[in-house]
């Protein structure tokens, strides 16, 4: 809503309670495959 991105920028999020969540859609599915990469928006250039 503010940045205007299509989805969450990072692939994964880690909470202070140690709970891991998938960020950008398809990140977990693709990680499990181990051969491809979901393009995120968290490291400039």
ModelCIF file with pLDDT and N, C-alpha, C, O atoms, coordinates in Angstrom:
data_MODEL
#
_entry.id   MODEL 
#
_entity.id                         1 
_entity.type                       polymer 
_entity.pdbx_number_of_molecules   1 
#
_entity_poly.entity_id                      1 
_entity_poly.type                           'polypeptide(L)' 
_entity_poly.nstd_linkage                   no 
_entity_poly.nstd_monomer                   no 
_entity_poly.pdbx_seq_one_letter_code       
;(UNK)(UNK)(UNK)(UNK)(UNK)(UNK)(UNK)(UNK)(UNK)(UNK)(UNK)(UNK)(UNK)(UNK)(UNK)(UNK)
(UNK)(UNK)(UNK)(UNK)(UNK)(UNK)(UNK)(UNK)(UNK)(UNK)(UNK)(UNK)(UNK)(UNK)(UNK)(UNK)
(UNK)(UNK)(UNK)(UNK)(UNK)(UNK)(UNK)(UNK)(UNK)(UNK)(UNK)(UNK)(UNK)
;
_entity_poly.pdbx_seq_one_letter_code_can   XXXXXXXXXXXXXXXXXXXXXXXXXXXXXXXXXXXXXXXXXXXXX 
_entity_poly.pdbx_strand_id                 A 
#
loop_
_entity_poly_seq.entity_id 
_entity_poly_seq.num 
_entity_poly_seq.mon_id 
_entity_poly_seq.hetero 
1 1  UNK n 
1 2  UNK n 
1 3  UNK n 
1 4  UNK n 
1 5  UNK n 
1 6  UNK n 
1 7  UNK n 
1 8  UNK n 
1 9  UNK n 
1 10 UNK n 
1 11 UNK n 
1 12 UNK n 
1 13 UNK n 
1 14 UNK n 
1 15 UNK n 
1 16 UNK n 
1 17 UNK n 
1 18 UNK n 
1 19 UNK n 
1 20 UNK n 
1 21 UNK n 
1 22 UNK n 
1 23 UNK n 
1 24 UNK n 
1 25 UNK n 
1 26 UNK n 
1 27 UNK n 
1 28 UNK n 
1 29 UNK n 
1 30 UNK n 
1 31 UNK n 
1 32 UNK n 
1 33 UNK n 
1 34 UNK n 
1 35 UNK n 
1 36 UNK n 
1 37 UNK n 
1 38 UNK n 
1 39 UNK n 
1 40 UNK n 
1 41 UNK n 
1 42 UNK n 
1 43 UNK n 
1 44 UNK n 
1 45 UNK n 
#
_struct_asym.id          A 
_struct_asym.entity_id   1 
#
loop_
_ma_qa_metric.id 
_ma_qa_metric.mode 
_ma_qa_metric.name 
_ma_qa_metric.software_group_id 
_ma_qa_metric.type 
1 global pLDDT . pLDDT 
2 local  pLDDT . pLDDT 
#
_ma_qa_metric_global.metric_id      1 
_ma_qa_metric_global.metric_value   96.62 
_ma_qa_metric_global.model_id       1 
_ma_qa_metric_global.ordinal_id     1 
#
loop_
_ma_qa_metric_local.label_asym_id 
_ma_qa_metric_local.label_comp_id 
_ma_qa_metric_local.label_seq_id 
_ma_qa_metric_local.metric_id 
_ma_qa_metric_local.metric_value 
_ma_qa_metric_local.model_id 
_ma_qa_metric_local.ordinal_id 
A UNK 1  2 94.00 1 1  
A UNK 2  2 90.00 1 2  
A UNK 3  2 88.00 1 3  
A UNK 4  2 92.00 1 4  
A UNK 5  2 95.00 1 5  
A UNK 6  2 97.00 1 6  
A UNK 7  2 97.00 1 7  
A UNK 8  2 96.00 1 8  
A UNK 9  2 95.00 1 9  
A UNK 10 2 97.00 1 10 
A UNK 11 2 98.00 1 11 
A UNK 12 2 98.00 1 12 
A UNK 13 2 98.00 1 13 
A UNK 14 2 98.00 1 14 
A UNK 15 2 98.00 1 15 
A UNK 16 2 98.00 1 16 
A UNK 17 2 98.00 1 17 
A UNK 18 2 98.00 1 18 
A UNK 19 2 98.00 1 19 
A UNK 20 2 99.00 1 20 
A UNK 21 2 98.00 1 21 
A UNK 22 2 98.00 1 22 
A UNK 23 2 98.00 1 23 
A UNK 24 2 98.00 1 24 
A UNK 25 2 98.00 1 25 
A UNK 26 2 98.00 1 26 
A UNK 27 2 98.00 1 27 
A UNK 28 2 98.00 1 28 
A UNK 29 2 98.00 1 29 
A UNK 30 2 98.00 1 30 
A UNK 31 2 98.00 1 31 
A UNK 32 2 98.00 1 32 
A UNK 33 2 98.00 1 33 
A UNK 34 2 98.00 1 34 
A UNK 35 2 98.00 1 35 
A UNK 36 2 98.00 1 36 
A UNK 37 2 98.00 1 37 
A UNK 38 2 98.00 1 38 
A UNK 39 2 98.00 1 39 
A UNK 40 2 97.00 1 40 
A UNK 41 2 95.00 1 41 
A UNK 42 2 94.00 1 42 
A UNK 43 2 95.00 1 43 
A UNK 44 2 92.00 1 44 
A UNK 45 2 91.00 1 45 
#
loop_
_atom_site.group_PDB 
_atom_site.id 
_atom_site.type_symbol 
_atom_site.label_atom_id 
_atom_site.label_alt_id 
_atom_site.label_comp_id 
_atom_site.label_asym_id 
_atom_site.label_entity_id 
_atom_site.label_seq_id 
_atom_site.pdbx_PDB_ins_code 
_atom_site.Cartn_x 
_atom_site.Cartn_y 
_atom_site.Cartn_z 
_atom_site.occupancy 
_atom_site.B_iso_or_equiv 
_atom_site.pdbx_formal_charge 
_atom_site.auth_seq_id 
_atom_site.auth_comp_id 
_atom_site.auth_asym_id 
_atom_site.auth_atom_id 
_atom_site.pdbx_PDB_model_num 
ATOM 1   N N  . UNK A 1 1  ? 0.802  -1.220  0.000  1.00 94.00 ? 1  UNK A N  1 
ATOM 2   C CA . UNK A 1 1  ? 0.000  0.000   0.000  1.00 94.00 ? 1  UNK A CA 1 
ATOM 3   C C  . UNK A 1 1  ? 0.836  1.273   0.000  1.00 94.00 ? 1  UNK A C  1 
ATOM 4   O O  . UNK A 1 1  ? 0.411  2.286   -0.554 1.00 94.00 ? 1  UNK A O  1 
ATOM 5   N N  . UNK A 1 2  ? 2.017  1.238   0.610  1.00 90.00 ? 2  UNK A N  1 
ATOM 6   C CA . UNK A 1 2  ? 2.869  2.433   0.681  1.00 90.00 ? 2  UNK A CA 1 
ATOM 7   C C  . UNK A 1 2  ? 4.008  2.383   -0.319 1.00 90.00 ? 2  UNK A C  1 
ATOM 8   O O  . UNK A 1 2  ? 4.268  3.365   -1.015 1.00 90.00 ? 2  UNK A O  1 
ATOM 9   N N  . UNK A 1 3  ? 4.685  1.255   -0.397 1.00 88.00 ? 3  UNK A N  1 
ATOM 10  C CA . UNK A 1 3  ? 5.795  1.129   -1.342 1.00 88.00 ? 3  UNK A CA 1 
ATOM 11  C C  . UNK A 1 3  ? 5.325  0.863   -2.762 1.00 88.00 ? 3  UNK A C  1 
ATOM 12  O O  . UNK A 1 3  ? 6.034  1.161   -3.723 1.00 88.00 ? 3  UNK A O  1 
ATOM 13  N N  . UNK A 1 4  ? 4.141  0.307   -2.890 1.00 92.00 ? 4  UNK A N  1 
ATOM 14  C CA . UNK A 1 4  ? 3.619  0.031   -4.221 1.00 92.00 ? 4  UNK A CA 1 
ATOM 15  C C  . UNK A 1 4  ? 4.158  -1.246  -4.828 1.00 92.00 ? 4  UNK A C  1 
ATOM 16  O O  . UNK A 1 4  ? 4.138  -1.404  -6.049 1.00 92.00 ? 4  UNK A O  1 
ATOM 17  N N  . UNK A 1 5  ? 4.642  -2.163  -4.000 1.00 95.00 ? 5  UNK A N  1 
ATOM 18  C CA . UNK A 1 5  ? 5.167  -3.424  -4.497 1.00 95.00 ? 5  UNK A CA 1 
ATOM 19  C C  . UNK A 1 5  ? 4.033  -4.411  -4.713 1.00 95.00 ? 5  UNK A C  1 
ATOM 20  O O  . UNK A 1 5  ? 2.919  -4.191  -4.238 1.00 95.00 ? 5  UNK A O  1 
ATOM 21  N N  . UNK A 1 6  ? 4.304  -5.485  -5.416 1.00 97.00 ? 6  UNK A N  1 
ATOM 22  C CA . UNK A 1 6  ? 3.254  -6.451  -5.716 1.00 97.00 ? 6  UNK A CA 1 
ATOM 23  C C  . UNK A 1 6  ? 2.965  -7.370  -4.530 1.00 97.00 ? 6  UNK A C  1 
ATOM 24  O O  . UNK A 1 6  ? 1.934  -8.042  -4.507 1.00 97.00 ? 6  UNK A O  1 
ATOM 25  N N  . UNK A 1 7  ? 3.861  -7.406  -3.550 1.00 97.00 ? 7  UNK A N  1 
ATOM 26  C CA . UNK A 1 7  ? 3.729  -8.342  -2.438 1.00 97.00 ? 7  UNK A CA 1 
ATOM 27  C C  . UNK A 1 7  ? 4.761  -7.966  -1.377 1.00 97.00 ? 7  UNK A C  1 
ATOM 28  O O  . UNK A 1 7  ? 5.469  -6.969  -1.521 1.00 97.00 ? 7  UNK A O  1 
ATOM 29  N N  . UNK A 1 8  ? 4.844  -8.760  -0.317 1.00 96.00 ? 8  UNK A N  1 
ATOM 30  C CA . UNK A 1 8  ? 5.907  -8.591  0.663  1.00 96.00 ? 8  UNK A CA 1 
ATOM 31  C C  . UNK A 1 8  ? 7.258  -8.628  -0.042 1.00 96.00 ? 8  UNK A C  1 
ATOM 32  O O  . UNK A 1 8  ? 7.451  -9.402  -0.980 1.00 96.00 ? 8  UNK A O  1 
ATOM 33  N N  . UNK A 1 9  ? 8.194  -7.791  0.409  1.00 95.00 ? 9  UNK A N  1 
ATOM 34  C CA . UNK A 1 9  ? 9.477  -7.696  -0.269 1.00 95.00 ? 9  UNK A CA 1 
ATOM 35  C C  . UNK A 1 9  ? 10.405 -8.866  -0.022 1.00 95.00 ? 9  UNK A C  1 
ATOM 36  O O  . UNK A 1 9  ? 11.045 -9.358  -0.952 1.00 95.00 ? 9  UNK A O  1 
ATOM 37  N N  . UNK A 1 10 ? 10.488 -9.325  1.241  1.00 97.00 ? 10 UNK A N  1 
ATOM 38  C CA . UNK A 1 10 ? 11.420 -10.393 1.582  1.00 97.00 ? 10 UNK A CA 1 
ATOM 39  C C  . UNK A 1 10 ? 10.771 -11.758 1.412  1.00 97.00 ? 10 UNK A C  1 
ATOM 40  O O  . UNK A 1 10 ? 9.547  -11.888 1.397  1.00 97.00 ? 10 UNK A O  1 
ATOM 41  N N  . UNK A 1 11 ? 11.616 -12.764 1.286  1.00 98.00 ? 11 UNK A N  1 
ATOM 42  C CA . UNK A 1 11 ? 11.094 -14.119 1.107  1.00 98.00 ? 11 UNK A CA 1 
ATOM 43  C C  . UNK A 1 11 ? 10.602 -14.728 2.418  1.00 98.00 ? 11 UNK A C  1 
ATOM 44  O O  . UNK A 1 11 ? 9.638  -15.494 2.425  1.00 98.00 ? 11 UNK A O  1 
ATOM 45  N N  . UNK A 1 12 ? 11.264 -14.387 3.533  1.00 98.00 ? 12 UNK A N  1 
ATOM 46  C CA . UNK A 1 12 ? 10.890 -14.980 4.820  1.00 98.00 ? 12 UNK A CA 1 
ATOM 47  C C  . UNK A 1 12 ? 11.028 -13.952 5.942  1.00 98.00 ? 12 UNK A C  1 
ATOM 48  O O  . UNK A 1 12 ? 11.800 -12.997 5.841  1.00 98.00 ? 12 UNK A O  1 
ATOM 49  N N  . UNK A 1 13 ? 10.259 -14.171 7.017  1.00 98.00 ? 13 UNK A N  1 
ATOM 50  C CA . UNK A 1 13 ? 10.267 -13.281 8.178  1.00 98.00 ? 13 UNK A CA 1 
ATOM 51  C C  . UNK A 1 13 ? 10.446 -14.115 9.439  1.00 98.00 ? 13 UNK A C  1 
ATOM 52  O O  . UNK A 1 13 ? 9.914  -15.220 9.546  1.00 98.00 ? 13 UNK A O  1 
ATOM 53  N N  . UNK A 1 14 ? 11.200 -13.577 10.392 1.00 98.00 ? 14 UNK A N  1 
ATOM 54  C CA . UNK A 1 14 ? 11.494 -14.262 11.645 1.00 98.00 ? 14 UNK A CA 1 
ATOM 55  C C  . UNK A 1 14 ? 11.085 -13.346 12.793 1.00 98.00 ? 14 UNK A C  1 
ATOM 56  O O  . UNK A 1 14 ? 11.578 -12.222 12.888 1.00 98.00 ? 14 UNK A O  1 
ATOM 57  N N  . UNK A 1 15 ? 10.196 -13.805 13.661 1.00 98.00 ? 15 UNK A N  1 
ATOM 58  C CA . UNK A 1 15 ? 9.699  -12.954 14.739 1.00 98.00 ? 15 UNK A CA 1 
ATOM 59  C C  . UNK A 1 15 ? 10.591 -13.054 15.966 1.00 98.00 ? 15 UNK A C  1 
ATOM 60  O O  . UNK A 1 15 ? 11.428 -13.951 16.065 1.00 98.00 ? 15 UNK A O  1 
ATOM 61  N N  . UNK A 1 16 ? 10.405 -12.125 16.904 1.00 98.00 ? 16 UNK A N  1 
ATOM 62  C CA . UNK A 1 16 ? 11.191 -12.146 18.132 1.00 98.00 ? 16 UNK A CA 1 
ATOM 63  C C  . UNK A 1 16 ? 10.857 -13.363 18.996 1.00 98.00 ? 16 UNK A C  1 
ATOM 64  O O  . UNK A 1 16 ? 11.628 -13.740 19.879 1.00 98.00 ? 16 UNK A O  1 
ATOM 65  N N  . UNK A 1 17 ? 9.710  -13.965 18.734 1.00 98.00 ? 17 UNK A N  1 
ATOM 66  C CA . UNK A 1 17 ? 9.368  -15.204 19.408 1.00 98.00 ? 17 UNK A CA 1 
ATOM 67  C C  . UNK A 1 17 ? 9.920  -16.436 18.716 1.00 98.00 ? 17 UNK A C  1 
ATOM 68  O O  . UNK A 1 17 ? 9.710  -17.559 19.174 1.00 98.00 ? 17 UNK A O  1 
ATOM 69  N N  . UNK A 1 18 ? 10.636 -16.225 17.597 1.00 98.00 ? 18 UNK A N  1 
ATOM 70  C CA . UNK A 1 18 ? 11.227 -17.341 16.876 1.00 98.00 ? 18 UNK A CA 1 
ATOM 71  C C  . UNK A 1 18 ? 10.293 -18.032 15.910 1.00 98.00 ? 18 UNK A C  1 
ATOM 72  O O  . UNK A 1 18 ? 10.558 -19.161 15.497 1.00 98.00 ? 18 UNK A O  1 
ATOM 73  N N  . UNK A 1 19 ? 9.184  -17.364 15.533 1.00 98.00 ? 19 UNK A N  1 
ATOM 74  C CA . UNK A 1 19 ? 8.232  -17.931 14.587 1.00 98.00 ? 19 UNK A CA 1 
ATOM 75  C C  . UNK A 1 19 ? 8.610  -17.504 13.167 1.00 98.00 ? 19 UNK A C  1 
ATOM 76  O O  . UNK A 1 19 ? 8.777  -16.315 12.897 1.00 98.00 ? 19 UNK A O  1 
ATOM 77  N N  . UNK A 1 20 ? 8.742  -18.456 12.282 1.00 99.00 ? 20 UNK A N  1 
ATOM 78  C CA . UNK A 1 20 ? 9.128  -18.195 10.893 1.00 99.00 ? 20 UNK A CA 1 
ATOM 79  C C  . UNK A 1 20 ? 7.898  -18.178 10.002 1.00 99.00 ? 20 UNK A C  1 
ATOM 80  O O  . UNK A 1 20 ? 7.052  -19.069 10.085 1.00 99.00 ? 20 UNK A O  1 
ATOM 81  N N  . UNK A 1 21 ? 7.799  -17.163 9.149  1.00 98.00 ? 21 UNK A N  1 
ATOM 82  C CA . UNK A 1 21 ? 6.694  -17.078 8.202  1.00 98.00 ? 21 UNK A CA 1 
ATOM 83  C C  . UNK A 1 21 ? 7.235  -16.858 6.798  1.00 98.00 ? 21 UNK A C  1 
ATOM 84  O O  . UNK A 1 21 ? 8.295  -16.261 6.605  1.00 98.00 ? 21 UNK A O  1 
ATOM 85  N N  . UNK A 1 22 ? 6.493  -17.347 5.842  1.00 98.00 ? 22 UNK A N  1 
ATOM 86  C CA . UNK A 1 22 ? 6.785  -17.073 4.438  1.00 98.00 ? 22 UNK A CA 1 
ATOM 87  C C  . UNK A 1 22 ? 6.393  -15.638 4.150  1.00 98.00 ? 22 UNK A C  1 
ATOM 88  O O  . UNK A 1 22 ? 5.327  -15.197 4.579  1.00 98.00 ? 22 UNK A O  1 
ATOM 89  N N  . UNK A 1 23 ? 7.224  -14.899 3.436  1.00 98.00 ? 23 UNK A N  1 
ATOM 90  C CA . UNK A 1 23 ? 6.914  -13.527 3.090  1.00 98.00 ? 23 UNK A CA 1 
ATOM 91  C C  . UNK A 1 23 ? 6.282  -13.451 1.716  1.00 98.00 ? 23 UNK A C  1 
ATOM 92  O O  . UNK A 1 23 ? 5.062  -13.541 1.584  1.00 98.00 ? 23 UNK A O  1 
ATOM 93  N N  . UNK A 1 24 ? 7.104  -13.287 0.693  1.00 98.00 ? 24 UNK A N  1 
ATOM 94  C CA . UNK A 1 24 ? 6.583  -13.243 -0.674 1.00 98.00 ? 24 UNK A CA 1 
ATOM 95  C C  . UNK A 1 24 ? 5.996  -14.601 -1.057 1.00 98.00 ? 24 UNK A C  1 
ATOM 96  O O  . UNK A 1 24 ? 6.577  -15.648 -0.770 1.00 98.00 ? 24 UNK A O  1 
ATOM 97  N N  . UNK A 1 25 ? 4.850  -14.561 -1.700 1.00 98.00 ? 25 UNK A N  1 
ATOM 98  C CA . UNK A 1 25 ? 4.190  -15.784 -2.124 1.00 98.00 ? 25 UNK A CA 1 
ATOM 99  C C  . UNK A 1 25 ? 5.128  -16.652 -2.970 1.00 98.00 ? 25 UNK A C  1 
ATOM 100 O O  . UNK A 1 25 ? 5.945  -16.146 -3.740 1.00 98.00 ? 25 UNK A O  1 
ATOM 101 N N  . UNK A 1 26 ? 4.989  -17.952 -2.807 1.00 98.00 ? 26 UNK A N  1 
ATOM 102 C CA . UNK A 1 26 ? 5.707  -19.000 -3.524 1.00 98.00 ? 26 UNK A CA 1 
ATOM 103 C C  . UNK A 1 26 ? 7.129  -19.201 -3.023 1.00 98.00 ? 26 UNK A C  1 
ATOM 104 O O  . UNK A 1 26 ? 7.831  -20.087 -3.512 1.00 98.00 ? 26 UNK A O  1 
ATOM 105 N N  . UNK A 1 27 ? 7.574  -18.393 -2.051 1.00 98.00 ? 27 UNK A N  1 
ATOM 106 C CA . UNK A 1 27 ? 8.948  -18.517 -1.583 1.00 98.00 ? 27 UNK A CA 1 
ATOM 107 C C  . UNK A 1 27 ? 9.221  -19.883 -0.965 1.00 98.00 ? 27 UNK A C  1 
ATOM 108 O O  . UNK A 1 27 ? 10.281 -20.466 -1.193 1.00 98.00 ? 27 UNK A O  1 
ATOM 109 N N  . UNK A 1 28 ? 8.269  -20.400 -0.182 1.00 98.00 ? 28 UNK A N  1 
ATOM 110 C CA . UNK A 1 28 ? 8.478  -21.690 0.471  1.00 98.00 ? 28 UNK A CA 1 
ATOM 111 C C  . UNK A 1 28 ? 8.449  -22.830 -0.540 1.00 98.00 ? 28 UNK A C  1 
ATOM 112 O O  . UNK A 1 28 ? 9.292  -23.727 -0.505 1.00 98.00 ? 28 UNK A O  1 
ATOM 113 N N  . UNK A 1 29 ? 7.494  -22.786 -1.417 1.00 98.00 ? 29 UNK A N  1 
ATOM 114 C CA . UNK A 1 29 ? 7.386  -23.810 -2.473 1.00 98.00 ? 29 UNK A CA 1 
ATOM 115 C C  . UNK A 1 29 ? 8.676  -23.892 -3.283 1.00 98.00 ? 29 UNK A C  1 
ATOM 116 O O  . UNK A 1 29 ? 9.202  -24.980 -3.519 1.00 98.00 ? 29 UNK A O  1 
ATOM 117 N N  . UNK A 1 30 ? 9.178  -22.738 -3.703 1.00 98.00 ? 30 UNK A N  1 
ATOM 118 C CA . UNK A 1 30 ? 10.367 -22.705 -4.552 1.00 98.00 ? 30 UNK A CA 1 
ATOM 119 C C  . UNK A 1 30 ? 11.614 -23.097 -3.764 1.00 98.00 ? 30 UNK A C  1 
ATOM 120 O O  . UNK A 1 30 ? 12.493 -23.777 -4.294 1.00 98.00 ? 30 UNK A O  1 
ATOM 121 N N  . UNK A 1 31 ? 11.698 -22.672 -2.502 1.00 98.00 ? 31 UNK A N  1 
ATOM 122 C CA . UNK A 1 31 ? 12.830 -23.067 -1.669 1.00 98.00 ? 31 UNK A CA 1 
ATOM 123 C C  . UNK A 1 31 ? 12.877 -24.575 -1.512 1.00 98.00 ? 31 UNK A C  1 
ATOM 124 O O  . UNK A 1 31 ? 13.953 -25.170 -1.571 1.00 98.00 ? 31 UNK A O  1 
ATOM 125 N N  . UNK A 1 32 ? 11.741 -25.193 -1.315 1.00 98.00 ? 32 UNK A N  1 
ATOM 126 C CA . UNK A 1 32 ? 11.712 -26.644 -1.172 1.00 98.00 ? 32 UNK A CA 1 
ATOM 127 C C  . UNK A 1 32 ? 12.213 -27.345 -2.431 1.00 98.00 ? 32 UNK A C  1 
ATOM 128 O O  . UNK A 1 32 ? 12.783 -28.433 -2.353 1.00 98.00 ? 32 UNK A O  1 
ATOM 129 N N  . UNK A 1 33 ? 12.004 -26.732 -3.572 1.00 98.00 ? 33 UNK A N  1 
ATOM 130 C CA . UNK A 1 33 ? 12.506 -27.317 -4.809 1.00 98.00 ? 33 UNK A CA 1 
ATOM 131 C C  . UNK A 1 33 ? 14.018 -27.274 -4.908 1.00 98.00 ? 33 UNK A C  1 
ATOM 132 O O  . UNK A 1 33 ? 14.639 -28.186 -5.453 1.00 98.00 ? 33 UNK A O  1 
ATOM 133 N N  . UNK A 1 34 ? 14.613 -26.200 -4.375 1.00 98.00 ? 34 UNK A N  1 
ATOM 134 C CA . UNK A 1 34 ? 16.059 -26.109 -4.295 1.00 98.00 ? 34 UNK A CA 1 
ATOM 135 C C  . UNK A 1 34 ? 16.804 -25.789 -5.572 1.00 98.00 ? 34 UNK A C  1 
ATOM 136 O O  . UNK A 1 34 ? 18.028 -25.911 -5.622 1.00 98.00 ? 34 UNK A O  1 
ATOM 137 N N  . UNK A 1 35 ? 16.071 -25.371 -6.628 1.00 98.00 ? 35 UNK A N  1 
ATOM 138 C CA . UNK A 1 35 ? 16.755 -25.100 -7.895 1.00 98.00 ? 35 UNK A CA 1 
ATOM 139 C C  . UNK A 1 35 ? 16.456 -23.721 -8.476 1.00 98.00 ? 35 UNK A C  1 
ATOM 140 O O  . UNK A 1 35 ? 17.149 -23.266 -9.386 1.00 98.00 ? 35 UNK A O  1 
ATOM 141 N N  . UNK A 1 36 ? 15.424 -23.054 -7.952 1.00 98.00 ? 36 UNK A N  1 
ATOM 142 C CA . UNK A 1 36 ? 15.028 -21.755 -8.518 1.00 98.00 ? 36 UNK A CA 1 
ATOM 143 C C  . UNK A 1 36 ? 14.953 -20.705 -7.422 1.00 98.00 ? 36 UNK A C  1 
ATOM 144 O O  . UNK A 1 36 ? 15.179 -21.000 -6.248 1.00 98.00 ? 36 UNK A O  1 
ATOM 145 N N  . UNK A 1 37 ? 14.636 -19.486 -7.810 1.00 98.00 ? 37 UNK A N  1 
ATOM 146 C CA . UNK A 1 37 ? 14.697 -18.339 -6.889 1.00 98.00 ? 37 UNK A CA 1 
ATOM 147 C C  . UNK A 1 37 ? 13.506 -17.426 -7.113 1.00 98.00 ? 37 UNK A C  1 
ATOM 148 O O  . UNK A 1 37 ? 13.248 -16.991 -8.236 1.00 98.00 ? 37 UNK A O  1 
ATOM 149 N N  . UNK A 1 38 ? 12.774 -17.134 -6.032 1.00 98.00 ? 38 UNK A N  1 
ATOM 150 C CA . UNK A 1 38 ? 11.687 -16.153 -6.096 1.00 98.00 ? 38 UNK A CA 1 
ATOM 151 C C  . UNK A 1 38 ? 12.299 -14.759 -5.986 1.00 98.00 ? 38 UNK A C  1 
ATOM 152 O O  . UNK A 1 38 ? 12.948 -14.443 -4.989 1.00 98.00 ? 38 UNK A O  1 
ATOM 153 N N  . UNK A 1 39 ? 12.096 -13.934 -6.998 1.00 98.00 ? 39 UNK A N  1 
ATOM 154 C CA . UNK A 1 39 ? 12.641 -12.583 -6.999 1.00 98.00 ? 39 UNK A CA 1 
ATOM 155 C C  . UNK A 1 39 ? 11.911 -11.735 -5.968 1.00 98.00 ? 39 UNK A C  1 
ATOM 156 O O  . UNK A 1 39 ? 10.696 -11.558 -6.057 1.00 98.00 ? 39 UNK A O  1 
ATOM 157 N N  . UNK A 1 40 ? 12.641 -11.211 -4.994 1.00 97.00 ? 40 UNK A N  1 
ATOM 158 C CA . UNK A 1 40 ? 12.050 -10.367 -3.973 1.00 97.00 ? 40 UNK A CA 1 
ATOM 159 C C  . UNK A 1 40 ? 12.360 -8.902  -4.206 1.00 97.00 ? 40 UNK A C  1 
ATOM 160 O O  . UNK A 1 40 ? 12.733 -8.499  -5.308 1.00 97.00 ? 40 UNK A O  1 
ATOM 161 N N  . UNK A 1 41 ? 12.202 -8.105  -3.150 1.00 95.00 ? 41 UNK A N  1 
ATOM 162 C CA . UNK A 1 41 ? 12.487 -6.672  -3.204 1.00 95.00 ? 41 UNK A CA 1 
ATOM 163 C C  . UNK A 1 41 ? 13.015 -6.258  -1.836 1.00 95.00 ? 41 UNK A C  1 
ATOM 164 O O  . UNK A 1 41 ? 12.348 -5.535  -1.096 1.00 95.00 ? 41 UNK A O  1 
ATOM 165 N N  . UNK A 1 42 ? 14.224 -6.725  -1.505 1.00 94.00 ? 42 UNK A N  1 
ATOM 166 C CA . UNK A 1 42 ? 14.763 -6.413  -0.182 1.00 94.00 ? 42 UNK A CA 1 
ATOM 167 C C  . UNK A 1 42 ? 16.224 -5.997  -0.193 1.00 94.00 ? 42 UNK A C  1 
ATOM 168 O O  . UNK A 1 42 ? 16.740 -5.575  0.842  1.00 94.00 ? 42 UNK A O  1 
ATOM 169 N N  . UNK A 1 43 ? 16.910 -6.101  -1.330 1.00 95.00 ? 43 UNK A N  1 
ATOM 170 C CA . UNK A 1 43 ? 18.310 -5.691  -1.426 1.00 95.00 ? 43 UNK A CA 1 
ATOM 171 C C  . UNK A 1 43 ? 18.473 -4.883  -2.712 1.00 95.00 ? 43 UNK A C  1 
ATOM 172 O O  . UNK A 1 43 ? 18.410 -5.444  -3.806 1.00 95.00 ? 43 UNK A O  1 
ATOM 173 N N  . UNK A 1 44 ? 18.681 -3.575  -2.591 1.00 92.00 ? 44 UNK A N  1 
ATOM 174 C CA . UNK A 1 44 ? 18.735 -2.703  -3.750 1.00 92.00 ? 44 UNK A CA 1 
ATOM 175 C C  . UNK A 1 44 ? 19.743 -3.154  -4.786 1.00 92.00 ? 44 UNK A C  1 
ATOM 176 O O  . UNK A 1 44 ? 20.920 -3.334  -4.475 1.00 92.00 ? 44 UNK A O  1 
ATOM 177 N N  . UNK A 1 45 ? 19.287 -3.337  -6.020 1.00 91.00 ? 45 UNK A N  1 
ATOM 178 C CA . UNK A 1 45 ? 20.111 -3.683  -7.175 1.00 91.00 ? 45 UNK A CA 1 
ATOM 179 C C  . UNK A 1 45 ? 20.727 -5.080  -7.089 1.00 91.00 ? 45 UNK A C  1 
ATOM 180 O O  . UNK A 1 45 ? 21.444 -5.495  -8.000 1.00 91.00 ? 45 UNK A O  1 
#
